[in-house]
N, C-alpha and C. Protein backbone atom coordinates (compact mmCIF):
# COMPACT_ATOMS: atom_id res chain seq x y z
N MET A 1 11.48 11.26 15.59
CA MET A 1 11.12 9.92 14.92
C MET A 1 10.11 9.27 15.92
N ASN A 2 8.97 8.84 15.46
CA ASN A 2 8.03 8.08 16.25
C ASN A 2 8.47 6.65 16.46
N ALA A 3 7.90 6.13 17.53
CA ALA A 3 8.25 4.66 17.76
C ALA A 3 7.48 3.86 16.82
N ILE A 4 8.16 2.86 16.13
CA ILE A 4 7.48 1.96 15.17
C ILE A 4 7.34 0.63 15.93
N PRO A 5 6.14 0.04 15.95
CA PRO A 5 5.90 -1.24 16.54
C PRO A 5 6.77 -2.23 15.94
N THR A 6 7.37 -3.14 16.71
CA THR A 6 8.01 -4.27 16.09
C THR A 6 7.45 -5.53 16.38
N LYS A 7 6.26 -5.60 16.97
CA LYS A 7 5.56 -6.89 17.24
C LYS A 7 5.07 -7.43 15.99
N TYR A 8 5.27 -8.71 15.90
CA TYR A 8 4.82 -9.49 14.71
C TYR A 8 3.49 -10.23 15.08
N ASN A 9 2.51 -9.37 15.27
CA ASN A 9 1.14 -9.94 15.72
C ASN A 9 0.34 -10.12 14.46
N LEU A 10 -0.88 -10.64 14.58
CA LEU A 10 -1.81 -10.89 13.49
C LEU A 10 -2.05 -9.58 12.64
N ASN A 11 -2.12 -8.52 13.29
CA ASN A 11 -2.35 -7.21 12.56
C ASN A 11 -1.17 -7.01 11.58
N PHE A 12 0.04 -7.16 12.08
CA PHE A 12 1.21 -6.97 11.23
C PHE A 12 1.12 -7.87 10.00
N TRP A 13 0.83 -9.16 10.21
CA TRP A 13 0.82 -10.15 9.12
C TRP A 13 -0.35 -9.83 8.09
N VAL A 14 -1.46 -9.39 8.62
CA VAL A 14 -2.59 -8.99 7.68
C VAL A 14 -2.13 -7.78 6.95
N HIS A 15 -1.56 -6.81 7.55
CA HIS A 15 -1.11 -5.59 6.80
C HIS A 15 -0.07 -5.99 5.72
N LEU A 16 0.84 -6.90 6.09
CA LEU A 16 1.90 -7.43 5.17
C LEU A 16 1.13 -8.12 3.99
N ALA A 17 0.21 -8.90 4.28
CA ALA A 17 -0.52 -9.62 3.19
C ALA A 17 -1.31 -8.60 2.24
N MET A 18 -1.87 -7.62 2.88
CA MET A 18 -2.50 -6.65 2.12
C MET A 18 -1.53 -5.77 1.23
N LEU A 19 -0.36 -5.63 1.80
CA LEU A 19 0.71 -4.85 0.96
C LEU A 19 1.13 -5.68 -0.22
N LEU A 20 1.28 -7.00 -0.02
CA LEU A 20 1.77 -7.85 -1.13
C LEU A 20 0.62 -8.03 -2.05
N ALA A 21 -0.62 -8.03 -1.66
CA ALA A 21 -1.76 -8.14 -2.55
C ALA A 21 -1.89 -6.98 -3.38
N THR A 22 -1.50 -5.76 -2.89
CA THR A 22 -1.58 -4.48 -3.64
C THR A 22 -0.66 -4.67 -4.79
N TRP A 23 0.51 -5.27 -4.71
CA TRP A 23 1.41 -5.35 -5.82
C TRP A 23 1.15 -6.32 -6.90
N ILE A 24 0.40 -7.46 -6.43
CA ILE A 24 0.11 -8.50 -7.49
C ILE A 24 -1.32 -8.43 -7.99
N ALA A 25 -2.07 -7.53 -7.41
CA ALA A 25 -3.55 -7.37 -7.86
C ALA A 25 -3.59 -7.00 -9.33
N PRO A 26 -2.76 -6.21 -9.95
CA PRO A 26 -2.90 -5.95 -11.33
C PRO A 26 -2.84 -7.16 -12.26
N PHE A 27 -2.35 -8.21 -11.77
CA PHE A 27 -2.04 -9.44 -12.62
C PHE A 27 -3.12 -10.59 -12.29
N LEU A 28 -3.84 -10.36 -11.14
CA LEU A 28 -4.82 -11.39 -10.74
C LEU A 28 -6.26 -11.01 -10.88
N PHE A 29 -6.56 -9.71 -10.69
CA PHE A 29 -7.97 -9.30 -10.61
C PHE A 29 -8.35 -8.25 -11.68
N ASP A 30 -9.57 -8.34 -12.13
CA ASP A 30 -10.07 -7.41 -13.08
C ASP A 30 -9.81 -6.09 -12.83
N TRP A 31 -9.42 -5.22 -13.84
CA TRP A 31 -8.97 -3.99 -13.66
C TRP A 31 -9.96 -2.97 -12.98
N LYS A 32 -11.24 -3.21 -13.18
CA LYS A 32 -12.17 -2.44 -12.45
C LYS A 32 -12.22 -2.53 -10.97
N TRP A 33 -11.99 -3.83 -10.53
CA TRP A 33 -11.97 -4.04 -9.05
C TRP A 33 -10.63 -3.42 -8.58
N VAL A 34 -9.52 -3.65 -9.28
CA VAL A 34 -8.27 -3.12 -8.79
C VAL A 34 -8.26 -1.61 -8.67
N LEU A 35 -8.81 -0.97 -9.65
CA LEU A 35 -8.78 0.49 -9.56
C LEU A 35 -9.72 0.97 -8.54
N LEU A 36 -10.87 0.29 -8.33
CA LEU A 36 -11.76 0.58 -7.21
C LEU A 36 -11.01 0.51 -5.91
N ALA A 37 -10.33 -0.71 -5.68
CA ALA A 37 -9.61 -0.84 -4.38
C ALA A 37 -8.47 0.15 -4.20
N TYR A 38 -7.76 0.47 -5.23
CA TYR A 38 -6.68 1.53 -5.06
C TYR A 38 -7.32 2.89 -4.76
N SER A 39 -8.51 3.20 -5.38
CA SER A 39 -9.16 4.42 -5.11
C SER A 39 -9.60 4.46 -3.61
N LEU A 40 -10.14 3.41 -3.16
CA LEU A 40 -10.56 3.39 -1.73
C LEU A 40 -9.41 3.56 -0.77
N VAL A 41 -8.29 2.94 -1.07
CA VAL A 41 -7.14 3.06 -0.29
C VAL A 41 -6.62 4.52 -0.31
N LEU A 42 -6.55 5.16 -1.46
CA LEU A 42 -6.17 6.51 -1.53
C LEU A 42 -7.12 7.50 -0.76
N LEU A 43 -8.40 7.17 -0.87
CA LEU A 43 -9.44 7.97 -0.11
C LEU A 43 -9.31 7.91 1.46
N GLN A 44 -8.80 6.77 1.97
CA GLN A 44 -8.63 6.65 3.42
C GLN A 44 -7.73 7.72 3.93
N PHE A 45 -6.76 8.14 3.26
CA PHE A 45 -5.90 9.07 3.79
C PHE A 45 -6.42 10.47 4.13
N PRO A 46 -7.17 11.06 3.21
CA PRO A 46 -7.70 12.35 3.42
C PRO A 46 -8.95 12.22 4.32
N VAL A 47 -9.79 11.21 3.99
CA VAL A 47 -11.00 11.06 4.83
C VAL A 47 -10.93 10.53 6.14
N LEU A 48 -10.08 9.59 6.33
CA LEU A 48 -9.91 8.91 7.77
C LEU A 48 -8.65 9.47 8.46
N GLY A 49 -7.91 10.23 7.76
CA GLY A 49 -6.70 10.86 8.44
C GLY A 49 -5.52 10.01 8.50
N GLY A 50 -5.45 8.97 7.68
CA GLY A 50 -4.37 8.09 7.75
C GLY A 50 -4.64 6.61 7.36
N CYS A 51 -3.73 5.75 7.47
CA CYS A 51 -3.92 4.30 7.07
C CYS A 51 -4.66 3.56 8.18
N VAL A 52 -5.77 2.99 7.84
CA VAL A 52 -6.48 2.20 8.84
C VAL A 52 -5.71 1.14 9.46
N MET A 53 -4.90 0.42 8.69
CA MET A 53 -4.13 -0.70 9.16
C MET A 53 -3.02 -0.15 10.13
N ASN A 54 -2.51 0.92 9.82
CA ASN A 54 -1.49 1.53 10.73
C ASN A 54 -2.06 1.85 12.09
N LYS A 55 -3.28 2.25 11.99
CA LYS A 55 -4.02 2.56 13.40
C LYS A 55 -4.24 1.35 14.18
N VAL A 56 -4.55 0.26 13.38
CA VAL A 56 -4.90 -1.05 14.10
C VAL A 56 -3.73 -1.52 14.87
N HIS A 57 -2.53 -1.36 14.25
CA HIS A 57 -1.42 -1.92 15.05
C HIS A 57 -0.55 -0.80 15.67
N GLY A 58 -1.16 0.26 15.90
CA GLY A 58 -0.45 1.33 16.74
C GLY A 58 0.63 2.16 16.07
N LEU A 59 0.67 2.16 14.74
CA LEU A 59 1.69 3.06 14.14
C LEU A 59 1.07 4.34 13.93
N ASP A 60 1.65 5.36 14.66
CA ASP A 60 1.28 6.78 14.40
C ASP A 60 1.73 7.34 13.14
N ASP A 61 0.89 7.37 12.15
CA ASP A 61 1.33 7.96 10.89
C ASP A 61 0.98 9.36 10.64
N SER A 62 0.82 10.07 11.80
CA SER A 62 0.59 11.54 11.60
C SER A 62 1.94 12.23 11.21
N GLY A 63 3.02 11.59 11.61
CA GLY A 63 4.27 12.14 11.17
C GLY A 63 4.77 11.52 9.86
N GLU A 64 6.01 11.02 9.81
CA GLU A 64 6.47 10.48 8.49
C GLU A 64 6.53 8.93 8.55
N ASP A 65 6.09 8.34 9.68
CA ASP A 65 6.10 6.90 9.69
C ASP A 65 5.05 6.21 8.77
N THR A 66 5.53 5.21 8.17
CA THR A 66 4.61 4.39 7.36
C THR A 66 5.08 2.86 7.58
N PHE A 67 4.13 2.03 7.25
CA PHE A 67 4.44 0.53 7.24
C PHE A 67 5.59 0.20 6.37
N TYR A 68 5.66 0.89 5.19
CA TYR A 68 6.70 0.60 4.19
C TYR A 68 8.09 1.04 4.89
N ALA A 69 8.15 2.25 5.52
CA ALA A 69 9.38 2.71 6.15
C ALA A 69 9.76 1.66 7.22
N HIS A 70 8.77 1.15 7.92
CA HIS A 70 9.08 0.16 9.00
C HIS A 70 9.76 -1.11 8.37
N LEU A 71 9.16 -1.60 7.24
CA LEU A 71 9.72 -2.77 6.65
C LEU A 71 11.06 -2.47 6.06
N LEU A 72 11.26 -1.50 5.41
CA LEU A 72 12.51 -1.13 4.69
C LEU A 72 13.60 -0.99 5.80
N GLU A 73 13.28 -0.31 6.87
CA GLU A 73 14.28 -0.09 7.84
C GLU A 73 14.61 -1.37 8.52
N GLN A 74 13.67 -2.35 8.74
CA GLN A 74 13.97 -3.60 9.24
C GLN A 74 14.88 -4.47 8.37
N LEU A 75 14.84 -4.13 7.04
CA LEU A 75 15.65 -4.82 6.06
C LEU A 75 17.00 -4.15 6.00
N GLY A 76 17.21 -3.06 6.69
CA GLY A 76 18.51 -2.32 6.56
C GLY A 76 18.54 -1.20 5.66
N PHE A 77 17.46 -0.82 5.01
CA PHE A 77 17.45 0.26 4.02
C PHE A 77 17.12 1.57 4.86
N ARG A 78 17.67 2.59 4.44
CA ARG A 78 17.41 3.97 4.99
C ARG A 78 17.03 4.80 3.89
N PHE A 79 15.76 5.39 3.91
CA PHE A 79 15.39 6.38 2.97
C PHE A 79 14.77 7.54 3.69
N ASP A 80 14.59 8.58 3.03
CA ASP A 80 13.96 9.80 3.54
C ASP A 80 12.47 9.44 3.83
N ARG A 81 12.01 9.32 5.04
CA ARG A 81 10.67 8.81 5.35
C ARG A 81 9.63 9.68 4.64
N ARG A 82 9.84 10.94 4.53
CA ARG A 82 8.87 11.87 3.90
C ARG A 82 8.59 11.43 2.42
N LYS A 83 9.69 11.10 1.79
CA LYS A 83 9.56 10.70 0.37
C LYS A 83 8.97 9.33 0.28
N VAL A 84 9.29 8.42 1.24
CA VAL A 84 8.61 7.14 1.12
C VAL A 84 7.16 7.29 1.41
N LYS A 85 6.72 8.20 2.26
CA LYS A 85 5.31 8.39 2.60
C LYS A 85 4.61 8.92 1.38
N THR A 86 5.17 9.90 0.76
CA THR A 86 4.64 10.56 -0.46
C THR A 86 4.45 9.52 -1.53
N PHE A 87 5.50 8.66 -1.73
CA PHE A 87 5.39 7.63 -2.72
C PHE A 87 4.21 6.63 -2.45
N VAL A 88 4.28 6.07 -1.24
CA VAL A 88 3.28 5.03 -0.90
C VAL A 88 1.90 5.48 -0.78
N ARG A 89 1.71 6.70 -0.49
CA ARG A 89 0.44 7.41 -0.26
C ARG A 89 -0.18 7.96 -1.50
N PHE A 90 0.54 8.06 -2.54
CA PHE A 90 -0.01 8.69 -3.80
C PHE A 90 0.61 7.97 -5.07
N TRP A 91 1.92 8.27 -5.28
CA TRP A 91 2.52 7.81 -6.51
C TRP A 91 2.45 6.25 -6.72
N MET A 92 2.65 5.53 -5.76
CA MET A 92 2.61 4.03 -5.89
C MET A 92 1.35 3.55 -6.49
N PHE A 93 0.10 4.10 -5.97
CA PHE A 93 -1.18 3.69 -6.52
C PHE A 93 -1.42 4.21 -7.89
N ILE A 94 -0.97 5.40 -8.19
CA ILE A 94 -1.01 5.86 -9.64
C ILE A 94 -0.21 5.00 -10.52
N MET A 95 0.99 4.63 -10.10
CA MET A 95 1.82 3.65 -10.93
C MET A 95 1.15 2.34 -11.02
N LEU A 96 0.72 1.75 -9.98
CA LEU A 96 0.06 0.39 -10.04
C LEU A 96 -1.23 0.48 -10.82
N GLY A 97 -1.98 1.47 -10.67
CA GLY A 97 -3.22 1.65 -11.48
C GLY A 97 -2.91 1.75 -13.01
N THR A 98 -1.84 2.45 -13.37
CA THR A 98 -1.32 2.50 -14.67
C THR A 98 -0.88 1.14 -15.23
N ILE A 99 -0.16 0.46 -14.45
CA ILE A 99 0.30 -0.93 -14.79
C ILE A 99 -0.87 -1.82 -15.07
N THR A 100 -1.86 -1.69 -14.17
CA THR A 100 -3.07 -2.44 -14.39
C THR A 100 -3.86 -2.19 -15.62
N VAL A 101 -3.98 -1.03 -16.03
CA VAL A 101 -4.64 -0.67 -17.15
C VAL A 101 -3.84 -1.05 -18.43
N VAL A 102 -2.53 -0.81 -18.37
CA VAL A 102 -1.73 -1.16 -19.53
C VAL A 102 -1.75 -2.67 -19.66
N TRP A 103 -1.55 -3.50 -18.62
CA TRP A 103 -1.41 -4.86 -18.65
C TRP A 103 -2.67 -5.49 -19.16
N GLN A 104 -3.86 -5.01 -18.65
CA GLN A 104 -5.13 -5.67 -18.96
C GLN A 104 -5.88 -5.09 -20.19
N ILE A 105 -5.86 -3.80 -20.26
CA ILE A 105 -6.58 -3.19 -21.42
C ILE A 105 -5.68 -3.01 -22.66
N VAL A 106 -4.55 -2.36 -22.49
CA VAL A 106 -3.67 -2.12 -23.68
C VAL A 106 -3.02 -3.43 -24.20
N LEU A 107 -2.49 -4.30 -23.30
CA LEU A 107 -1.82 -5.56 -23.77
C LEU A 107 -2.83 -6.69 -23.90
N GLY A 108 -3.91 -6.50 -23.34
CA GLY A 108 -5.07 -7.56 -23.49
C GLY A 108 -5.00 -8.70 -22.61
N TYR A 109 -4.30 -8.73 -21.55
CA TYR A 109 -4.16 -9.94 -20.63
C TYR A 109 -5.36 -9.84 -19.71
N GLU A 110 -6.07 -11.02 -19.70
CA GLU A 110 -7.28 -11.18 -18.84
C GLU A 110 -6.84 -11.59 -17.46
N ALA A 111 -7.47 -11.00 -16.54
CA ALA A 111 -7.24 -11.35 -15.09
C ALA A 111 -7.93 -12.64 -14.82
N PRO A 112 -7.28 -13.55 -14.12
CA PRO A 112 -7.95 -14.88 -13.82
C PRO A 112 -9.04 -14.87 -12.84
N TYR A 113 -9.15 -13.85 -12.01
CA TYR A 113 -10.13 -13.74 -10.94
C TYR A 113 -10.94 -12.49 -11.14
N LEU A 114 -12.09 -12.61 -10.70
CA LEU A 114 -13.23 -11.52 -10.71
C LEU A 114 -13.17 -10.86 -12.04
């Protein structure tokens, strides 16, 4: 198990804000921008070898550590880190992209921004 940073510095809070934005983006921003952002996030893993934000605050994500695992464990939840990493590095963005398309295109809700 790699050491997970517990410092609540600016990088931590920026990463947390980006994480929260990921989940609310389908309801706030136009689907084209949301899908582009999700695609760029997914591309960072194979192209850059991991999460840029994890690297910024010293989280070695070459193993099974993720920012999500860090947050969940601080809240007292224990999950298989490998499954969490698989979910947040692939399935989560597929799911959120699908929600975005269904919400905005299929159901016809317009995003208030962009």
